Amino acid sequence: MPNREAGLKNTLQEYVLLSFGSLCLALALNWFLIPNQIASGGISGIANIIFHVTGIPVWMSLLAINVPVFIIGTMILGSKTGIKSFIGLVLVSVFIFATDWVDPLTDNLLLAALYGGLLVGVGLGFVFRARASTGGTDLIAQVVHKYTGLSLGICMLFIDGMVIVTAAIVFGAEFGLMALLSLYVTSKTIDLVQEGFSFEKFALIISEKSEDLQQAILVDLDRGVTKLHAQGGFTGIDRPILMCVVEQKEVSALKKMVKEVDPDAFVIIAPAQEVLGRGFRGVKKIT
């Protein structure tokens, strides 16, 4: 029963994230991208171009393109495309239709590209965290990848690039450049939403006084430390490497501590992309 309840809770959370992400995508289109003719890749970019050329509403074009793409993708790739992805692509169209009455927040191309790309990134980030998609070019890219062997990244880049080039031809070069800027902001925002802000650093310390440093980190800094066994490439001597993760505010204290214990220690400090576990996503100390 507990496992079933946890599964239901996770499923509910994923659908909440999917709905919120889809709403963000719809608002990004209606607030920024559609009224300013910024087609920053994807099926939504194609629908944006179609709307300004033919007058067909974006939500209608999205459904008309996405549903067949989803069906074909499911036939070729199998059921891994998932029911949540189908729900996602439908939700985006529904939310675009439901929020069509909202007025654009700006007619400044630069602001529209930046904030539109930001909001699209937030939306897609939450959709991906729900382990779903909103259909579109990712499915097309997977099909192209299967039959050509090209990497998914190259396939996505080519498809989105073609959409942006088309936008530049239809709307003008400036609009194409803004679409490219918006796509860049979107990609960075997706990473941020999925991985979060990282203010942690990890340190690798090589020292002849590793035992003293280990105790100092554990006791004085109150941080966990892992001892890695290594061998010097030049000397061939076995010596441990101490690895620890600290918060940004603790970096200065760590460097000062190492210098006091062993001024000749070799230290590498680098950003930690994401840290999960005790002391960073829960209780205080990690090991």
Protein backbone atom coordinates (compact mmCIF):
# COMPACT_ATOMS: atom_id res chain seq x y z
CA MET A 1 0.00 0.00 0.00
CA PRO A 2 2.71 2.57 0.85
CA ASN A 3 4.39 1.89 -2.50
CA ARG A 4 1.09 2.28 -4.31
CA GLU A 5 0.34 5.54 -2.52
CA ALA A 6 3.84 6.84 -3.32
CA GLY A 7 3.35 5.87 -6.96
CA LEU A 8 0.03 7.69 -7.14
CA LYS A 9 1.57 10.74 -5.49
CA ASN A 10 4.46 10.79 -7.98
CA THR A 11 2.06 10.39 -10.90
CA LEU A 12 -0.09 13.26 -9.61
CA GLN A 13 3.00 15.47 -9.18
CA GLU A 14 4.12 14.69 -12.72
CA TYR A 15 0.74 15.66 -14.17
CA VAL A 16 0.76 18.89 -12.14
CA LEU A 17 4.22 19.71 -13.52
CA LEU A 18 3.06 18.80 -17.03
CA SER A 19 0.02 21.07 -16.75
CA PHE A 20 2.01 23.97 -15.33
CA GLY A 21 4.72 23.60 -17.98
CA SER A 22 2.12 23.50 -20.76
CA LEU A 23 0.50 26.66 -19.40
CA CYS A 24 3.87 28.43 -19.36
CA LEU A 25 4.43 27.46 -22.99
CA ALA A 26 1.00 28.78 -23.97
CA LEU A 27 1.55 32.10 -22.16
CA ALA A 28 5.00 32.48 -23.71
CA LEU A 29 3.46 32.15 -27.15
CA ASN A 30 0.49 34.44 -26.53
CA TRP A 31 2.36 37.05 -24.47
CA PHE A 32 5.59 37.29 -26.44
CA LEU A 33 6.29 35.07 -29.44
CA ILE A 34 3.14 35.03 -31.58
CA PRO A 35 2.37 38.78 -31.54
CA ASN A 36 6.02 39.63 -32.27
CA GLN A 37 6.47 37.04 -35.05
CA ILE A 38 9.27 35.22 -33.23
CA ALA A 39 9.37 31.61 -34.44
CA SER A 40 12.11 30.12 -32.27
CA GLY A 41 12.11 26.59 -33.62
CA GLY A 42 9.85 23.62 -33.00
CA ILE A 43 6.33 22.91 -34.16
CA SER A 44 5.20 26.01 -32.29
CA GLY A 45 7.52 28.05 -34.52
CA ILE A 46 6.04 26.45 -37.62
CA ALA A 47 2.52 27.14 -36.31
CA ASN A 48 3.54 30.74 -35.62
CA ILE A 49 4.68 31.19 -39.22
CA ILE A 50 1.52 29.54 -40.56
CA PHE A 51 -0.64 31.86 -38.44
CA HIS A 52 0.96 35.05 -39.78
CA VAL A 53 0.88 33.80 -43.37
CA THR A 54 -2.58 32.18 -43.50
CA GLY A 55 -4.42 33.34 -40.37
CA ILE A 56 -4.95 29.77 -39.10
CA PRO A 57 -4.83 29.90 -35.27
CA VAL A 58 -1.66 28.57 -33.68
CA TRP A 59 -3.48 26.10 -31.43
CA MET A 60 -5.18 24.58 -34.46
CA SER A 61 -1.95 24.23 -36.44
CA LEU A 62 -0.24 22.68 -33.42
CA LEU A 63 -2.88 19.98 -33.15
CA ALA A 64 -3.00 19.43 -36.91
CA ILE A 65 0.77 18.86 -37.04
CA ASN A 66 1.46 17.31 -33.64
CA VAL A 67 -1.21 14.62 -33.60
CA PRO A 68 -0.11 12.96 -36.89
CA VAL A 69 3.55 13.34 -35.85
CA PHE A 70 2.75 11.67 -32.53
CA ILE A 71 0.87 8.81 -34.20
CA ILE A 72 3.63 8.22 -36.75
CA GLY A 73 6.29 8.51 -34.04
CA THR A 74 4.45 5.94 -31.91
CA MET A 75 4.18 3.56 -34.87
CA ILE A 76 7.89 3.86 -35.67
CA LEU A 77 9.41 4.30 -32.21
CA GLY A 78 6.94 2.28 -30.17
CA SER A 79 4.89 3.18 -27.13
CA LYS A 80 7.84 4.84 -25.37
CA THR A 81 6.54 8.18 -26.63
CA GLY A 82 3.99 7.82 -23.81
CA ILE A 83 0.48 8.90 -23.02
CA LYS A 84 1.79 11.86 -21.01
CA SER A 85 3.43 13.29 -24.11
CA PHE A 86 0.13 13.08 -25.97
CA ILE A 87 -1.63 14.79 -23.08
CA GLY A 88 1.12 17.42 -23.08
CA LEU A 89 0.71 18.32 -26.73
CA VAL A 90 -3.06 18.53 -26.32
CA LEU A 91 -2.75 20.67 -23.18
CA VAL A 92 -0.49 23.19 -24.92
CA SER A 93 -3.04 23.68 -27.70
CA VAL A 94 -5.90 23.93 -25.19
CA PHE A 95 -4.05 26.51 -23.08
CA ILE A 96 -3.10 28.56 -26.16
CA PHE A 97 -6.78 28.65 -27.15
CA ALA A 98 -7.90 29.42 -23.57
CA THR A 99 -5.41 32.27 -23.11
CA ASP A 100 -5.76 33.74 -26.58
CA TRP A 101 -7.59 36.75 -25.09
CA VAL A 102 -4.52 37.98 -23.16
CA ASP A 103 -2.81 41.09 -24.48
CA PRO A 104 0.88 40.97 -25.46
CA LEU A 105 3.15 42.25 -22.69
CA THR A 106 5.55 44.04 -25.06
CA ASP A 107 6.07 44.92 -28.69
CA ASN A 108 9.83 45.26 -28.22
CA LEU A 109 11.47 42.47 -30.22
CA LEU A 110 14.44 42.07 -27.89
CA LEU A 111 12.32 41.88 -24.75
CA ALA A 112 9.90 39.49 -26.44
CA ALA A 113 12.74 37.20 -27.54
CA LEU A 114 14.35 37.17 -24.09
CA TYR A 115 11.23 36.76 -21.97
CA GLY A 116 9.51 34.50 -24.48
CA GLY A 117 12.55 32.22 -24.58
CA LEU A 118 12.77 32.32 -20.78
CA LEU A 119 9.13 31.33 -20.30
CA VAL A 120 9.33 28.60 -22.96
CA GLY A 121 12.40 27.24 -21.17
CA VAL A 122 10.57 27.23 -17.84
CA GLY A 123 7.63 25.44 -19.43
CA LEU A 124 9.72 22.80 -21.20
CA GLY A 125 11.86 22.33 -18.10
CA PHE A 126 8.81 21.40 -16.03
CA VAL A 127 7.43 19.23 -18.83
CA PHE A 128 10.72 17.32 -18.99
CA ARG A 129 10.78 16.98 -15.21
CA ALA A 130 7.37 15.33 -15.56
CA ARG A 131 9.10 12.82 -17.90
CA ALA A 132 6.95 13.93 -20.80
CA SER A 133 7.14 16.13 -23.89
CA THR A 134 4.81 18.30 -25.90
CA GLY A 135 5.36 16.37 -29.12
CA GLY A 136 6.84 18.17 -32.06
CA THR A 137 10.39 18.24 -33.29
CA ASP A 138 11.79 15.92 -30.63
CA LEU A 139 9.71 13.07 -32.09
CA ILE A 140 10.68 14.04 -35.63
CA ALA A 141 14.32 14.13 -34.55
CA GLN A 142 14.03 10.62 -33.06
CA VAL A 143 12.59 9.28 -36.31
CA VAL A 144 15.32 10.96 -38.39
CA HIS A 145 17.94 9.64 -35.94
CA LYS A 146 16.63 6.10 -36.32
CA TYR A 147 16.88 6.09 -40.12
CA THR A 148 19.96 8.25 -40.66
CA GLY A 149 22.13 7.50 -37.64
CA LEU A 150 22.68 11.22 -37.01
CA SER A 151 22.81 12.24 -33.35
CA LEU A 152 19.64 13.57 -31.75
CA GLY A 153 21.37 16.88 -31.06
CA ILE A 154 22.28 17.34 -34.72
CA CYS A 155 18.75 16.37 -35.80
CA MET A 156 17.17 18.86 -33.41
CA LEU A 157 19.61 21.57 -34.43
CA PHE A 158 18.87 20.99 -38.13
CA ILE A 159 15.08 21.01 -37.68
CA ASP A 160 15.03 24.09 -35.44
CA GLY A 161 17.53 25.77 -37.75
CA MET A 162 15.24 25.22 -40.73
CA VAL A 163 12.33 26.76 -38.82
CA ILE A 164 14.40 29.82 -37.91
CA VAL A 165 15.69 30.20 -41.49
CA THR A 166 12.10 30.02 -42.73
CA ALA A 167 11.10 32.69 -40.19
CA ALA A 168 13.93 34.90 -41.41
CA ILE A 169 12.75 34.51 -45.01
CA VAL A 170 9.07 35.14 -44.20
CA PHE A 171 9.39 37.87 -41.54
CA GLY A 172 12.85 39.29 -42.21
CA ALA A 173 16.42 38.75 -41.00
CA GLU A 174 15.93 40.67 -37.74
CA PHE A 175 13.08 38.38 -36.72
CA GLY A 176 15.22 35.35 -37.53
CA LEU A 177 18.02 36.66 -35.32
CA MET A 178 15.58 37.27 -32.48
CA ALA A 179 14.25 33.74 -32.90
CA LEU A 180 17.79 32.40 -32.62
CA LEU A 181 18.35 34.44 -29.45
CA SER A 182 15.08 33.18 -27.98
CA LEU A 183 16.05 29.56 -28.75
CA TYR A 184 19.38 30.05 -26.95
CA VAL A 185 17.66 31.49 -23.86
CA THR A 186 15.22 28.58 -23.91
CA SER A 187 17.99 25.97 -23.94
CA LYS A 188 19.79 27.58 -21.00
CA THR A 189 16.58 27.97 -19.01
CA ILE A 190 15.66 24.30 -19.53
CA ASP A 191 19.00 23.29 -17.98
CA LEU A 192 18.42 25.68 -15.08
CA VAL A 193 14.93 24.36 -14.33
CA GLN A 194 16.02 20.73 -14.54
CA GLU A 195 19.27 21.06 -12.62
CA GLY A 196 18.57 24.08 -10.41
CA PHE A 197 20.92 26.77 -9.20
CA SER A 198 24.25 25.32 -8.18
CA PHE A 199 26.16 27.18 -5.47
CA GLU A 200 28.19 24.17 -4.39
CA LYS A 201 31.83 23.45 -5.16
CA PHE A 202 33.76 20.23 -5.05
CA ALA A 203 37.40 20.06 -4.06
CA LEU A 204 40.14 17.54 -4.78
CA ILE A 205 43.10 17.78 -2.43
CA ILE A 206 46.44 15.98 -2.77
CA SER A 207 48.61 16.33 0.29
CA GLU A 208 51.27 14.51 2.29
CA LYS A 209 49.26 15.50 5.36
CA SER A 210 45.99 13.99 4.18
CA GLU A 211 45.11 12.56 7.60
CA ASP A 212 45.37 15.98 9.25
CA LEU A 213 43.38 17.60 6.47
CA GLN A 214 40.74 14.90 6.65
CA GLN A 215 40.21 15.55 10.35
CA ALA A 216 40.15 19.30 9.83
CA ILE A 217 37.45 19.03 7.16
CA LEU A 218 35.37 16.63 9.25
CA VAL A 219 35.65 18.50 12.54
CA ASP A 220 36.35 22.17 11.82
CA LEU A 221 34.42 22.52 8.56
CA ASP A 222 31.78 19.94 9.53
CA ARG A 223 31.74 18.48 6.06
CA GLY A 224 32.08 14.92 4.88
CA VAL A 225 35.15 13.84 2.97
CA THR A 226 35.90 10.87 0.73
CA LYS A 227 39.37 9.38 0.41
CA LEU A 228 40.27 8.23 -3.10
CA HIS A 229 43.25 5.96 -3.64
CA ALA A 230 45.53 7.17 -6.43
CA GLN A 231 49.07 6.84 -7.71
CA GLY A 232 51.40 9.59 -8.87
CA GLY A 233 51.98 9.35 -12.61
CA PHE A 234 55.59 10.56 -12.36
CA THR A 235 56.69 9.19 -8.99
CA GLY A 236 54.60 6.02 -8.95
CA ILE A 237 53.98 6.63 -5.24
CA ASP A 238 50.58 5.72 -3.80
CA ARG A 239 48.87 8.62 -2.10
CA PRO A 240 45.26 9.45 -1.26
CA ILE A 241 43.17 12.20 -2.80
CA LEU A 242 40.62 13.87 -0.54
CA MET A 243 37.33 14.82 -2.17
CA CYS A 244 34.72 16.97 -0.48
CA VAL A 245 31.75 19.14 -1.46
CA VAL A 246 31.18 22.50 0.19
CA GLU A 247 28.84 25.43 -0.20
CA GLN A 248 30.08 28.58 -1.93
CA LYS A 249 30.38 30.43 1.37
CA GLU A 250 32.66 27.68 2.74
CA VAL A 251 35.23 27.79 -0.06
CA SER A 252 37.37 30.50 1.56
CA ALA A 253 37.38 28.63 4.87
CA LEU A 254 38.44 25.43 3.09
CA LYS A 255 41.31 27.12 1.26
CA LYS A 256 42.51 28.80 4.44
CA MET A 257 42.35 25.51 6.30
CA VAL A 258 44.36 23.66 3.62
CA LYS A 259 46.99 26.39 3.56
CA GLU A 260 47.39 26.26 7.34
CA VAL A 261 47.69 22.46 7.48
CA ASP A 262 49.79 21.94 4.35
CA PRO A 263 50.95 24.98 2.32
CA ASP A 264 52.33 22.60 -0.35
CA ALA A 265 49.03 20.79 -0.93
CA PHE A 266 47.72 20.56 -4.49
CA VAL A 267 44.08 21.70 -4.60
CA ILE A 268 41.47 21.71 -7.36
CA ILE A 269 38.16 23.54 -6.71
CA ALA A 270 35.45 23.46 -9.35
CA PRO A 271 31.70 24.07 -9.60
CA ALA A 272 29.48 21.08 -8.84
CA GLN A 273 26.74 20.93 -11.47
CA GLU A 274 24.28 19.34 -9.07
CA VAL A 275 24.62 17.88 -5.59
CA LEU A 276 22.07 15.48 -4.14
CA GLY A 277 22.24 13.81 -0.75
CA ARG A 278 22.87 14.52 2.89
CA GLY A 279 23.94 18.04 3.69
CA PHE A 280 22.69 19.57 0.42
CA ARG A 281 19.23 18.13 -0.12
CA GLY A 282 18.42 17.10 3.43
CA VAL A 283 20.40 16.89 6.67
CA LYS A 284 23.68 18.53 7.41
CA LYS A 285 26.65 16.29 6.73
CA ILE A 286 27.53 14.21 3.67
CA THR A 287 30.14 11.54 3.20
